[in-house]
Amino acid sequence: MKPYPKVTLVGAGPGDPDLLTIKGLKALQSADAVLYDALVNKALLAHVPAHAQKVFVGKRRGFKAYSQDEINDLLVEHAFSFGHVVRLKGGDPFVFGRGYEEMAYVRSFGIETTSVPGISSSIAVPENAGIPLTHRTVASSFWVVSGTAFDSRLTSDLRLAVQSSATIVVLMGMAKLAQIVSILEGLGKSELPVAIIQNGTTSEEKIVIGTVHNIVKRASEADLGAPSIIVLGETVRLRKELTEIRVELQELLIA
């Protein structure tokens, strides 16, 4: 019997496998094939049926298992060959994940498509590190921007964001950290707090806190690289208060 082709786009969340949604879990459990990205925690593949095809299609800076066009074609080919294909992408696939492009391509072949939102790393990673993106006395809004535009230049949206008092979350921005710092220093914001969180929500998480003035040096000393999230704004200062409260509570429990 010819399989019924279907593609489900699933957001895998920020890294901790426990942050996958229940709906995403159900999709994985019913998959006949899974195409997964580099930022997906491989522990999630344990939920995939034994018969299902598992294909790594990850892209990282300087490395691509497949081009985007090849990934699009693989989705279509696997749907017609195997049936239900789960396209598993880190974070939320509609936040700098090219999820819409992939769904539109698959749908153009008459294949049924659906999407399952994931917990975006832009919100979950700072929260997990104790950094709120908004606070009623500090920041009333936040920006989420890509550090790099489609043509590899620093996105112009970032230049607009840094002129506001909002918290700014930069994804895929480590390669442009020096440029980001230069823009902020030009606006007289050398003392603005900055946090860089690498491998957020996972056991390999590393957090570096500083200011615009010293964050490049501190990030280099800590050997930070991708995948990392950059958080710029006064709400970064609140992490210290939350950390101190946690320590005090732990000391009370021990006593």
Protein backbone atom coordinates (compact mmCIF):
# COMPACT_ATOMS: atom_id res chain seq x y z
CA MET A 1 0.00 0.00 0.00
CA LYS A 2 1.37 3.40 -1.00
CA PRO A 3 2.11 5.57 2.09
CA TYR A 4 0.12 8.74 2.65
CA PRO A 5 2.59 11.64 2.44
CA LYS A 6 2.55 14.14 5.29
CA VAL A 7 5.14 16.51 6.77
CA THR A 8 5.00 17.84 10.32
CA LEU A 9 7.31 20.68 11.27
CA VAL A 10 8.22 20.35 14.96
CA GLY A 11 10.02 22.83 17.18
CA ALA A 12 12.42 20.90 19.42
CA GLY A 13 12.87 23.69 21.95
CA PRO A 14 16.07 25.34 23.21
CA GLY A 15 18.14 22.26 24.02
CA ASP A 16 16.83 20.58 27.16
CA PRO A 17 14.92 17.54 25.83
CA ASP A 18 12.33 17.92 28.59
CA LEU A 19 11.24 21.20 27.01
CA LEU A 20 9.77 19.48 23.96
CA THR A 21 6.00 19.98 23.87
CA ILE A 22 3.60 17.07 24.31
CA LYS A 23 2.28 17.67 20.79
CA GLY A 24 5.82 17.54 19.43
CA LEU A 25 6.40 14.27 21.30
CA LYS A 26 3.28 12.73 19.75
CA ALA A 27 4.45 13.76 16.29
CA LEU A 28 7.83 12.08 16.81
CA GLN A 29 6.17 8.91 18.07
CA SER A 30 4.14 8.66 14.86
CA ALA A 31 6.97 9.45 12.43
CA ASP A 32 8.06 7.28 9.54
CA ALA A 33 11.08 9.51 8.92
CA VAL A 34 12.76 12.34 10.82
CA LEU A 35 14.99 15.03 9.34
CA TYR A 36 16.72 16.79 12.21
CA ASP A 37 19.00 19.80 12.64
CA ALA A 38 22.33 20.37 14.39
CA LEU A 39 20.80 22.20 17.37
CA VAL A 40 18.35 19.39 18.14
CA ASN A 41 19.15 17.36 21.25
CA LYS A 42 19.71 13.83 19.93
CA ALA A 43 18.02 12.43 23.06
CA LEU A 44 14.73 13.30 21.34
CA LEU A 45 15.40 10.66 18.70
CA ALA A 46 14.72 8.01 21.34
CA HIS A 47 11.01 8.82 20.91
CA VAL A 48 11.11 7.94 17.21
CA PRO A 49 9.85 4.46 16.20
CA ALA A 50 12.55 1.92 15.41
CA HIS A 51 11.42 1.56 11.80
CA ALA A 52 11.66 5.28 11.05
CA GLN A 53 14.41 6.78 8.90
CA LYS A 54 16.60 9.29 10.75
CA VAL A 55 18.48 11.82 8.61
CA PHE A 56 20.84 14.49 9.93
CA VAL A 57 20.50 17.64 7.84
CA GLY A 58 22.18 20.10 10.18
CA LYS A 59 23.80 23.35 9.17
CA ARG A 60 26.39 25.10 11.35
CA ARG A 61 28.76 27.95 10.59
CA GLY A 62 31.24 26.62 8.03
CA PHE A 63 29.48 23.27 7.63
CA LYS A 64 26.36 22.03 5.86
CA ALA A 65 25.29 18.40 5.69
CA TYR A 66 22.86 19.48 2.96
CA SER A 67 22.02 22.76 1.28
CA GLN A 68 18.60 24.26 1.93
CA ASP A 69 17.41 23.24 -1.54
CA GLU A 70 18.55 19.68 -0.88
CA ILE A 71 16.70 19.62 2.45
CA ASN A 72 13.53 20.80 0.73
CA ASP A 73 13.82 18.00 -1.82
CA LEU A 74 14.56 15.40 0.88
CA LEU A 75 11.37 16.33 2.70
CA VAL A 76 9.31 15.76 -0.42
CA GLU A 77 11.12 12.53 -1.39
CA HIS A 78 10.81 11.03 2.09
CA ALA A 79 7.14 11.97 2.38
CA PHE A 80 6.29 10.15 -0.85
CA SER A 81 8.55 7.20 0.01
CA PHE A 82 7.81 6.65 3.69
CA GLY A 83 4.69 8.60 4.71
CA HIS A 84 4.78 10.83 7.78
CA VAL A 85 7.95 12.93 7.89
CA VAL A 86 8.81 15.00 10.96
CA ARG A 87 11.06 17.96 10.27
CA LEU A 88 12.68 18.55 13.67
CA LYS A 89 14.22 21.98 14.17
CA GLY A 90 15.76 23.65 17.21
CA GLY A 91 13.82 26.27 19.16
CA ASP A 92 10.74 27.41 17.29
CA PRO A 93 11.00 26.80 13.53
CA PHE A 94 9.24 30.06 12.66
CA VAL A 95 11.85 32.13 14.57
CA PHE A 96 14.85 32.41 12.21
CA GLY A 97 14.38 28.74 11.36
CA ARG A 98 13.24 28.90 7.71
CA GLY A 99 10.31 26.73 8.74
CA TYR A 100 7.80 28.64 6.65
CA GLU A 101 9.96 28.30 3.52
CA GLU A 102 10.19 24.54 3.95
CA MET A 103 6.46 24.12 4.55
CA ALA A 104 5.60 26.25 1.53
CA TYR A 105 7.88 24.17 -0.69
CA VAL A 106 6.46 20.85 0.54
CA ARG A 107 2.89 22.10 0.19
CA SER A 108 3.53 23.06 -3.43
CA PHE A 109 3.69 19.31 -4.17
CA GLY A 110 0.22 18.77 -2.72
CA ILE A 111 1.59 17.21 0.47
CA GLU A 112 -0.30 17.79 3.71
CA THR A 113 1.71 19.92 6.14
CA THR A 114 1.25 20.99 9.73
CA SER A 115 3.44 22.70 12.31
CA VAL A 116 4.02 22.24 16.02
CA PRO A 117 5.42 25.36 17.75
CA GLY A 118 8.51 24.95 19.88
CA ILE A 119 9.74 26.88 22.91
CA SER A 120 11.96 29.57 21.42
CA SER A 121 15.50 29.78 22.73
CA SER A 122 15.20 33.56 22.53
CA ILE A 123 12.92 33.50 25.58
CA ALA A 124 13.72 30.20 27.31
CA VAL A 125 17.51 30.51 27.44
CA PRO A 126 17.61 33.91 29.20
CA GLU A 127 14.85 32.80 31.56
CA ASN A 128 16.70 29.62 32.43
CA ALA A 129 19.73 31.77 33.25
CA GLY A 130 17.66 34.00 35.53
CA ILE A 131 17.31 36.93 33.13
CA PRO A 132 13.81 38.31 32.52
CA LEU A 133 13.27 39.96 29.16
CA THR A 134 10.76 42.41 30.60
CA HIS A 135 10.31 43.99 34.04
CA ARG A 136 7.76 46.64 34.88
CA THR A 137 10.40 49.07 36.23
CA VAL A 138 13.23 48.25 33.82
CA ALA A 139 12.06 47.20 30.34
CA SER A 140 8.56 47.21 28.91
CA SER A 141 9.44 45.42 25.68
CA PHE A 142 12.07 43.28 23.99
CA TRP A 143 13.49 42.75 20.53
CA VAL A 144 14.57 39.44 19.09
CA VAL A 145 16.92 39.95 16.18
CA SER A 146 19.22 37.84 14.05
CA GLY A 147 22.85 38.80 14.27
CA THR A 148 23.28 38.16 10.57
CA ALA A 149 21.01 39.04 7.67
CA PHE A 150 20.50 36.69 4.71
CA ASP A 151 23.41 38.34 2.88
CA SER A 152 25.75 37.74 5.87
CA ARG A 153 25.86 41.40 6.88
CA LEU A 154 24.88 42.68 10.31
CA THR A 155 21.12 43.13 10.18
CA SER A 156 19.92 46.74 10.04
CA ASP A 157 17.18 45.95 12.60
CA LEU A 158 19.86 45.64 15.26
CA ARG A 159 20.91 49.23 14.64
CA LEU A 160 17.33 50.30 15.36
CA ALA A 161 16.95 48.06 18.40
CA VAL A 162 20.02 49.37 20.23
CA GLN A 163 18.61 52.89 20.15
CA SER A 164 15.71 51.82 22.38
CA SER A 165 15.55 50.97 26.09
CA ALA A 166 14.17 47.51 25.34
CA THR A 167 15.96 44.27 26.15
CA ILE A 168 17.63 42.95 23.00
CA VAL A 169 18.13 39.25 22.32
CA VAL A 170 20.51 38.48 19.48
CA LEU A 171 20.48 35.02 17.94
CA MET A 172 23.31 33.82 15.69
CA GLY A 173 25.33 36.89 16.59
CA MET A 174 28.66 35.68 17.99
CA ALA A 175 30.51 36.25 14.72
CA LYS A 176 29.33 39.85 14.80
CA LEU A 177 29.90 40.52 18.53
CA ALA A 178 32.66 43.07 17.95
CA GLN A 179 30.48 44.98 15.47
CA ILE A 180 27.52 44.95 17.87
CA VAL A 181 29.74 46.32 20.65
CA SER A 182 31.09 49.03 18.33
CA ILE A 183 27.57 50.23 17.51
CA LEU A 184 26.59 50.42 21.18
CA GLU A 185 29.78 52.21 22.16
CA GLY A 186 29.06 54.74 19.43
CA LEU A 187 25.74 55.45 21.14
CA GLY A 188 27.41 55.97 24.52
CA LYS A 189 26.20 52.66 25.95
CA SER A 190 29.53 51.21 27.08
CA GLU A 191 28.15 50.36 30.53
CA LEU A 192 25.05 48.57 29.25
CA PRO A 193 24.88 45.06 30.81
CA VAL A 194 25.42 42.10 28.49
CA ALA A 195 24.99 38.37 28.98
CA ILE A 196 26.17 35.67 26.61
CA ILE A 197 24.74 32.20 27.12
CA GLN A 198 26.23 29.26 25.26
CA ASN A 199 24.38 25.92 24.99
CA GLY A 200 21.54 27.30 27.08
CA THR A 201 19.29 24.92 29.09
CA THR A 202 21.72 22.03 28.58
CA SER A 203 24.33 20.46 30.86
CA GLU A 204 27.03 22.24 28.80
CA GLU A 205 25.59 25.70 29.48
CA LYS A 206 28.12 28.51 29.96
CA ILE A 207 27.17 32.04 31.03
CA VAL A 208 29.34 35.14 30.81
CA ILE A 209 28.15 38.46 32.21
CA GLY A 210 29.71 41.82 31.50
CA THR A 211 29.12 45.18 29.90
CA VAL A 212 29.42 46.44 26.36
CA HIS A 213 32.86 47.74 27.34
CA ASN A 214 34.33 44.37 28.41
CA ILE A 215 32.13 41.61 26.97
CA VAL A 216 34.34 40.84 23.95
CA LYS A 217 37.33 40.25 26.24
CA ARG A 218 35.32 38.17 28.70
CA ALA A 219 33.76 36.06 25.96
CA SER A 220 37.20 35.39 24.49
CA GLU A 221 38.63 34.44 27.89
CA ALA A 222 35.75 31.99 28.42
CA ASP A 223 36.22 30.62 24.89
CA LEU A 224 32.58 31.18 24.02
CA GLY A 225 31.33 30.34 20.57
CA ALA A 226 28.20 29.18 18.80
CA PRO A 227 25.52 28.31 19.62
CA SER A 228 25.18 31.30 21.93
CA ILE A 229 22.55 33.91 22.67
CA ILE A 230 23.47 37.51 23.40
CA VAL A 231 21.24 39.48 25.78
CA LEU A 232 21.68 43.26 25.96
CA GLY A 233 19.83 45.43 28.45
CA GLU A 234 19.27 46.53 32.03
CA THR A 235 17.31 43.37 32.84
CA VAL A 236 20.62 41.47 32.80
CA ARG A 237 21.40 43.14 36.15
CA LEU A 238 18.38 41.39 37.69
CA ARG A 239 20.07 38.00 37.35
CA LYS A 240 22.44 38.90 40.20
CA GLU A 241 19.49 39.66 42.51
CA LEU A 242 17.77 36.40 41.65
CA THR A 243 21.00 34.43 42.13
CA GLU A 244 21.54 36.01 45.55
CA ILE A 245 17.99 35.10 46.59
CA ARG A 246 18.55 31.49 45.53
CA VAL A 247 21.78 31.32 47.54
CA GLU A 248 20.08 32.74 50.63
CA LEU A 249 17.25 30.22 50.36
CA GLN A 250 19.73 27.35 49.97
CA GLU A 251 21.62 28.53 53.05
CA LEU A 252 18.38 28.68 55.06
CA LEU A 253 17.45 25.14 53.98
CA ILE A 254 20.89 23.84 54.97
CA ALA A 255 20.74 25.60 58.33
